[in-house]
C-alpha atoms as a PDB file:
ATOM      1  CA  MET A   1       0.000   0.000   0.000  1.00  0.00           C
ATOM      2  CA  LEU A   2       1.280   3.458  -0.923  1.00  0.00           C
ATOM      3  CA  ARG A   3       0.093   6.447   1.053  1.00  0.00           C
ATOM      4  CA  VAL A   4       1.185  10.061   0.612  1.00  0.00           C
ATOM      5  CA  GLN A   5       0.448  12.678   3.224  1.00  0.00           C
ATOM      6  CA  GLN A   6       1.300  16.354   3.029  1.00  0.00           C
ATOM      7  CA  ASN A   7       2.034  18.257   6.241  1.00  0.00           C
ATOM      8  CA  ALA A   8       2.503  22.020   6.300  1.00  0.00           C
ATOM      9  CA  THR A   9       4.280  23.535   9.289  1.00  0.00           C
ATOM     10  CA  SER A  10       4.341  27.019   7.771  1.00  0.00           C
ATOM     11  CA  VAL A  11       3.775  28.701   4.439  1.00  0.00           C
ATOM     12  CA  ASN A  12       7.284  27.852   3.265  1.00  0.00           C
ATOM     13  CA  ASP A  13       7.766  24.486   5.045  1.00  0.00           C
ATOM     14  CA  THR A  14       5.801  21.642   3.525  1.00  0.00           C
ATOM     15  CA  PHE A  15       6.739  18.063   4.256  1.00  0.00           C
ATOM     16  CA  VAL A  16       5.543  15.064   2.317  1.00  0.00           C
ATOM     17  CA  THR A  17       5.279  11.722   4.082  1.00  0.00           C
ATOM     18  CA  VAL A  18       5.359   8.643   1.856  1.00  0.00           C
ATOM     19  CA  GLN A  19       4.425   5.263   3.334  1.00  0.00           C
ATOM     20  CA  CYS A  20       4.969   2.055   1.383  1.00  0.00           C
ATOM     21  CA  HIS A  21       4.937  -1.511   2.754  1.00  0.00           C
ATOM     22  CA  GLY A  22       5.450  -0.412   6.335  1.00  0.00           C
ATOM     23  CA  TYR A  23       8.305   1.977   5.585  1.00  0.00           C
ATOM     24  CA  GLU A  24       7.841   5.690   5.995  1.00  0.00           C
ATOM     25  CA  LYS A  25       9.944   8.483   4.582  1.00  0.00           C
ATOM     26  CA  GLN A  26       9.494  12.183   5.088  1.00  0.00           C
ATOM     27  CA  ARG A  27      11.093  14.875   3.006  1.00  0.00           C
ATOM     28  CA  LYS A  28      10.746  18.579   2.559  1.00  0.00           C
ATOM     29  CA  ALA A  29       8.798  19.556  -0.524  1.00  0.00           C
ATOM     30  CA  GLU A  30       9.590  22.707  -2.456  1.00  0.00           C
ATOM     31  CA  LEU A  31       6.757  25.199  -2.294  1.00  0.00           C
ATOM     32  CA  ARG A  32       6.901  28.352  -4.393  1.00  0.00           C
ATOM     33  CA  VAL A  33       4.877  31.262  -3.037  1.00  0.00           C
ATOM     34  CA  MET A  34       4.073  34.185  -5.327  1.00  0.00           C
ATOM     35  CA  THR A  35       5.206  37.690  -4.365  1.00  0.00           C
ATOM     36  CA  ILE A  36       2.724  40.550  -4.544  1.00  0.00           C
ATOM     37  CA  GLN A  37       4.618  41.975  -7.520  1.00  0.00           C
ATOM     38  CA  GLU A  38       4.336  38.628  -9.333  1.00  0.00           C
ATOM     39  CA  CYS A  39       0.644  38.596  -8.416  1.00  0.00           C
ATOM     40  CA  TYR A  40       0.106  41.962 -10.110  1.00  0.00           C
ATOM     41  CA  GLN A  41       2.033  40.762 -13.138  1.00  0.00           C
ATOM     42  CA  LYS A  42      -0.043  37.576 -13.351  1.00  0.00           C
ATOM     43  CA  MET A  43      -3.324  39.464 -13.286  1.00  0.00           C
ATOM     44  CA  GLY A  44      -2.136  42.154 -15.702  1.00  0.00           C
ATOM     45  CA  ALA A  45      -2.405  44.913 -13.102  1.00  0.00           C
ATOM     46  CA  ASP A  46      -0.264  48.009 -12.511  1.00  0.00           C
ATOM     47  CA  TYR A  47       2.034  47.347  -9.533  1.00  0.00           C
ATOM     48  CA  GLU A  48       4.200  50.437 -10.071  1.00  0.00           C
ATOM     49  CA  ASP A  49       1.170  52.733 -10.070  1.00  0.00           C
ATOM     50  CA  VAL A  50      -0.235  51.359  -6.805  1.00  0.00           C
ATOM     51  CA  LEU A  51       3.237  51.446  -5.230  1.00  0.00           C
ATOM     52  CA  LYS A  52       3.222  55.235  -5.715  1.00  0.00           C
ATOM     53  CA  ARG A  53       0.025  55.449  -3.622  1.00  0.00           C
ATOM     54  CA  LEU A  54       0.604  52.795  -0.968  1.00  0.00           C
ATOM     55  CA  TYR A  55       4.412  53.203  -0.676  1.00  0.00           C
ATOM     56  CA  SER A  56       5.344  49.647   0.337  1.00  0.00           C
ATOM     57  CA  GLU A  57       4.949  46.051  -0.728  1.00  0.00           C
ATOM     58  CA  SER A  58       3.511  45.119   2.670  1.00  0.00           C
ATOM     59  CA  MET A  59       0.748  47.734   2.375  1.00  0.00           C
ATOM     60  CA  ILE A  60      -0.096  46.583  -1.145  1.00  0.00           C
ATOM     61  CA  ARG A  61      -0.215  42.970   0.040  1.00  0.00           C
ATOM     62  CA  LYS A  62      -2.453  43.930   2.985  1.00  0.00           C
ATOM     63  CA  PHE A  63      -4.980  45.818   0.858  1.00  0.00           C
ATOM     64  CA  ALA A  64      -4.914  43.255  -1.957  1.00  0.00           C
ATOM     65  CA  ARG A  65      -5.783  40.522   0.561  1.00  0.00           C
ATOM     66  CA  MET A  66      -8.606  42.686   1.897  1.00  0.00           C
ATOM     67  CA  PHE A  67     -10.050  42.660  -1.623  1.00  0.00           C
ATOM     68  CA  LEU A  68     -10.899  38.987  -1.120  1.00  0.00           C
ATOM     69  CA  ASP A  69     -13.469  40.109   1.486  1.00  0.00           C
ATOM     70  CA  ASP A  70     -14.872  42.978  -0.577  1.00  0.00           C
ATOM     71  CA  ASP A  71     -18.566  42.442  -1.265  1.00  0.00           C
ATOM     72  CA  SER A  72     -19.026  44.674  -4.311  1.00  0.00           C
ATOM     73  CA  TYR A  73     -18.719  41.831  -6.853  1.00  0.00           C
ATOM     74  CA  PRO A  74     -21.272  39.540  -5.127  1.00  0.00           C
ATOM     75  CA  LYS A  75     -23.622  42.525  -4.755  1.00  0.00           C
ATOM     76  CA  LEU A  76     -23.190  43.311  -8.449  1.00  0.00           C
ATOM     77  CA  GLU A  77     -23.898  39.726  -9.436  1.00  0.00           C
ATOM     78  CA  ASP A  78     -27.000  39.589  -7.220  1.00  0.00           C
ATOM     79  CA  ALA A  79     -28.357  42.935  -8.446  1.00  0.00           C
ATOM     80  CA  LEU A  80     -27.960  41.897 -12.085  1.00  0.00           C
ATOM     81  CA  LYS A  81     -29.762  38.607 -11.419  1.00  0.00           C
ATOM     82  CA  LYS A  82     -32.611  40.593  -9.875  1.00  0.00           C
ATOM     83  CA  GLU A  83     -32.453  43.088 -12.767  1.00  0.00           C
ATOM     84  CA  ASN A  84     -32.044  45.915 -10.269  1.00  0.00           C
ATOM     85  CA  VAL A  85     -30.215  48.539 -12.324  1.00  0.00           C
ATOM     86  CA  ALA A  86     -29.752  51.031  -9.461  1.00  0.00           C
ATOM     87  CA  GLU A  87     -28.161  48.470  -7.115  1.00  0.00           C
ATOM     88  CA  ALA A  88     -26.084  47.013  -9.946  1.00  0.00           C
ATOM     89  CA  PHE A  89     -24.813  50.504 -10.786  1.00  0.00           C
ATOM     90  CA  ARG A  90     -23.817  51.158  -7.146  1.00  0.00           C
ATOM     91  CA  ALA A  91     -22.001  47.838  -6.885  1.00  0.00           C
ATOM     92  CA  ALA A  92     -20.234  48.260 -10.241  1.00  0.00           C
ATOM     93  CA  HIS A  93     -19.219  51.803  -9.317  1.00  0.00           C
ATOM     94  CA  THR A  94     -17.830  50.608  -5.973  1.00  0.00           C
ATOM     95  CA  LEU A  95     -15.940  47.748  -7.604  1.00  0.00           C
ATOM     96  CA  LYS A  96     -14.521  50.139 -10.183  1.00  0.00           C
ATOM     97  CA  GLY A  97     -13.268  52.494  -7.463  1.00  0.00           C
ATOM     98  CA  VAL A  98     -11.683  49.737  -5.398  1.00  0.00           C
ATOM     99  CA  CYS A  99      -9.922  48.397  -8.502  1.00  0.00           C
ATOM    100  CA  GLN A 100      -8.656  51.842  -9.411  1.00  0.00           C
ATOM    101  CA  ASN A 101      -7.257  52.402  -5.913  1.00  0.00           C
ATOM    102  CA  LEU A 102      -5.542  49.003  -5.870  1.00  0.00           C
ATOM    103  CA  GLY A 103      -4.170  49.313  -9.398  1.00  0.00           C
ATOM    104  CA  PHE A 104      -6.171  46.337 -10.680  1.00  0.00           C
ATOM    105  CA  THR A 105      -6.288  47.803 -14.186  1.00  0.00           C
ATOM    106  CA  ASN A 106      -7.242  44.422 -15.621  1.00  0.00           C
ATOM    107  CA  LEU A 107     -10.497  44.478 -13.631  1.00  0.00           C
ATOM    108  CA  TYR A 108     -10.948  48.242 -13.527  1.00  0.00           C
ATOM    109  CA  GLN A 109     -11.458  48.599 -17.296  1.00  0.00           C
ATOM    110  CA  PRO A 110     -14.415  46.201 -17.691  1.00  0.00           C
ATOM    111  CA  ALA A 111     -15.883  47.456 -14.388  1.00  0.00           C
ATOM    112  CA  TYR A 112     -15.667  51.005 -15.751  1.00  0.00           C
ATOM    113  CA  GLU A 113     -17.425  49.997 -18.982  1.00  0.00           C
ATOM    114  CA  LEU A 114     -20.144  48.148 -17.068  1.00  0.00           C
ATOM    115  CA  THR A 115     -20.635  51.156 -14.783  1.00  0.00           C
ATOM    116  CA  GLU A 116     -21.163  53.403 -17.799  1.00  0.00           C
ATOM    117  CA  VAL A 117     -23.709  51.003 -19.328  1.00  0.00           C
ATOM    118  CA  LEU A 118     -25.631  50.887 -16.040  1.00  0.00           C
ATOM    119  CA  ARG A 119     -25.347  54.650 -15.533  1.00  0.00           C
ATOM    120  CA  ALA A 120     -27.747  55.005 -18.491  1.00  0.00           C
ATOM    121  CA  GLY A 121     -30.367  53.211 -16.382  1.00  0.00           C
ATOM    122  CA  THR A 122     -30.624  50.127 -18.540  1.00  0.00           C
ATOM    123  CA  LEU A 123     -29.381  46.548 -18.492  1.00  0.00           C
ATOM    124  CA  GLU A 124     -28.898  46.561 -22.262  1.00  0.00           C
ATOM    125  CA  GLY A 125     -25.294  45.582 -22.958  1.00  0.00           C
ATOM    126  CA  SER A 126     -24.598  44.739 -19.308  1.00  0.00           C
ATOM    127  CA  LYS A 127     -24.312  40.976 -19.772  1.00  0.00           C
ATOM    128  CA  GLU A 128     -21.309  41.230 -22.086  1.00  0.00           C
ATOM    129  CA  TRP A 129     -19.478  43.602 -19.749  1.00  0.00           C
ATOM    130  CA  PHE A 130     -20.415  41.583 -16.663  1.00  0.00           C
ATOM    131  CA  ASP A 131     -18.949  38.478 -18.320  1.00  0.00           C
ATOM    132  CA  ARG A 132     -15.673  40.377 -18.827  1.00  0.00           C
ATOM    133  CA  VAL A 133     -15.786  41.637 -15.225  1.00  0.00           C
ATOM    134  CA  THR A 134     -16.328  38.067 -14.016  1.00  0.00           C
ATOM    135  CA  GLU A 135     -13.403  36.757 -16.049  1.00  0.00           C
ATOM    136  CA  GLN A 136     -11.024  39.405 -14.692  1.00  0.00           C
ATOM    137  CA  TYR A 137     -12.433  39.128 -11.165  1.00  0.00           C
ATOM    138  CA  ASN A 138     -11.622  35.403 -11.128  1.00  0.00           C
ATOM    139  CA  ILE A 139      -8.113  36.020 -12.472  1.00  0.00           C
ATOM    140  CA  THR A 140      -7.601  38.679  -9.800  1.00  0.00           C
ATOM    141  CA  ILE A 141      -8.779  36.674  -6.803  1.00  0.00           C
ATOM    142  CA  ASP A 142      -6.886  33.562  -7.948  1.00  0.00           C
ATOM    143  CA  ALA A 143      -3.669  35.582  -8.186  1.00  0.00           C
ATOM    144  CA  ILE A 144      -4.199  37.187  -4.763  1.00  0.00           C
ATOM    145  CA  ARG A 145      -4.826  33.796  -3.150  1.00  0.00           C
ATOM    146  CA  ALA A 146      -1.447  32.594  -4.476  1.00  0.00           C
ATOM    147  CA  VAL A 147       0.446  35.343  -2.632  1.00  0.00           C
ATOM    148  CA  GLY A 148       2.485  34.299   0.401  1.00  0.00           C
END
């Protein structure tokens, strides 16, 4: 019988235990954690621009992680499902502002376009822009989650 177990003692220390026919061996596994600058590069965002506003990598990392708890995207999604243009506009506008402040240019652009469509008071054209927002939102949160 072969059994593999992964044990993490910290973000950078991961040990893999392999058991086979009563023998057990443990070794340190290499784990590569993404830096916040690599995160911005992966999502297609503007790290240098946000660095001018937040001044340090640790502040950027802190606020980027806080984005994972931001509720503007779920509110936008819910409002669009309910066809509530006013609530969708507020949520899109909030998301756009957060993205601009954090330098998430990849997500800011489609959020901006969606905001402008909704500003007209109609849902016409919103689905296409929401699909683009969703695509970039997923890229953004996946990249942030990979940061150590």
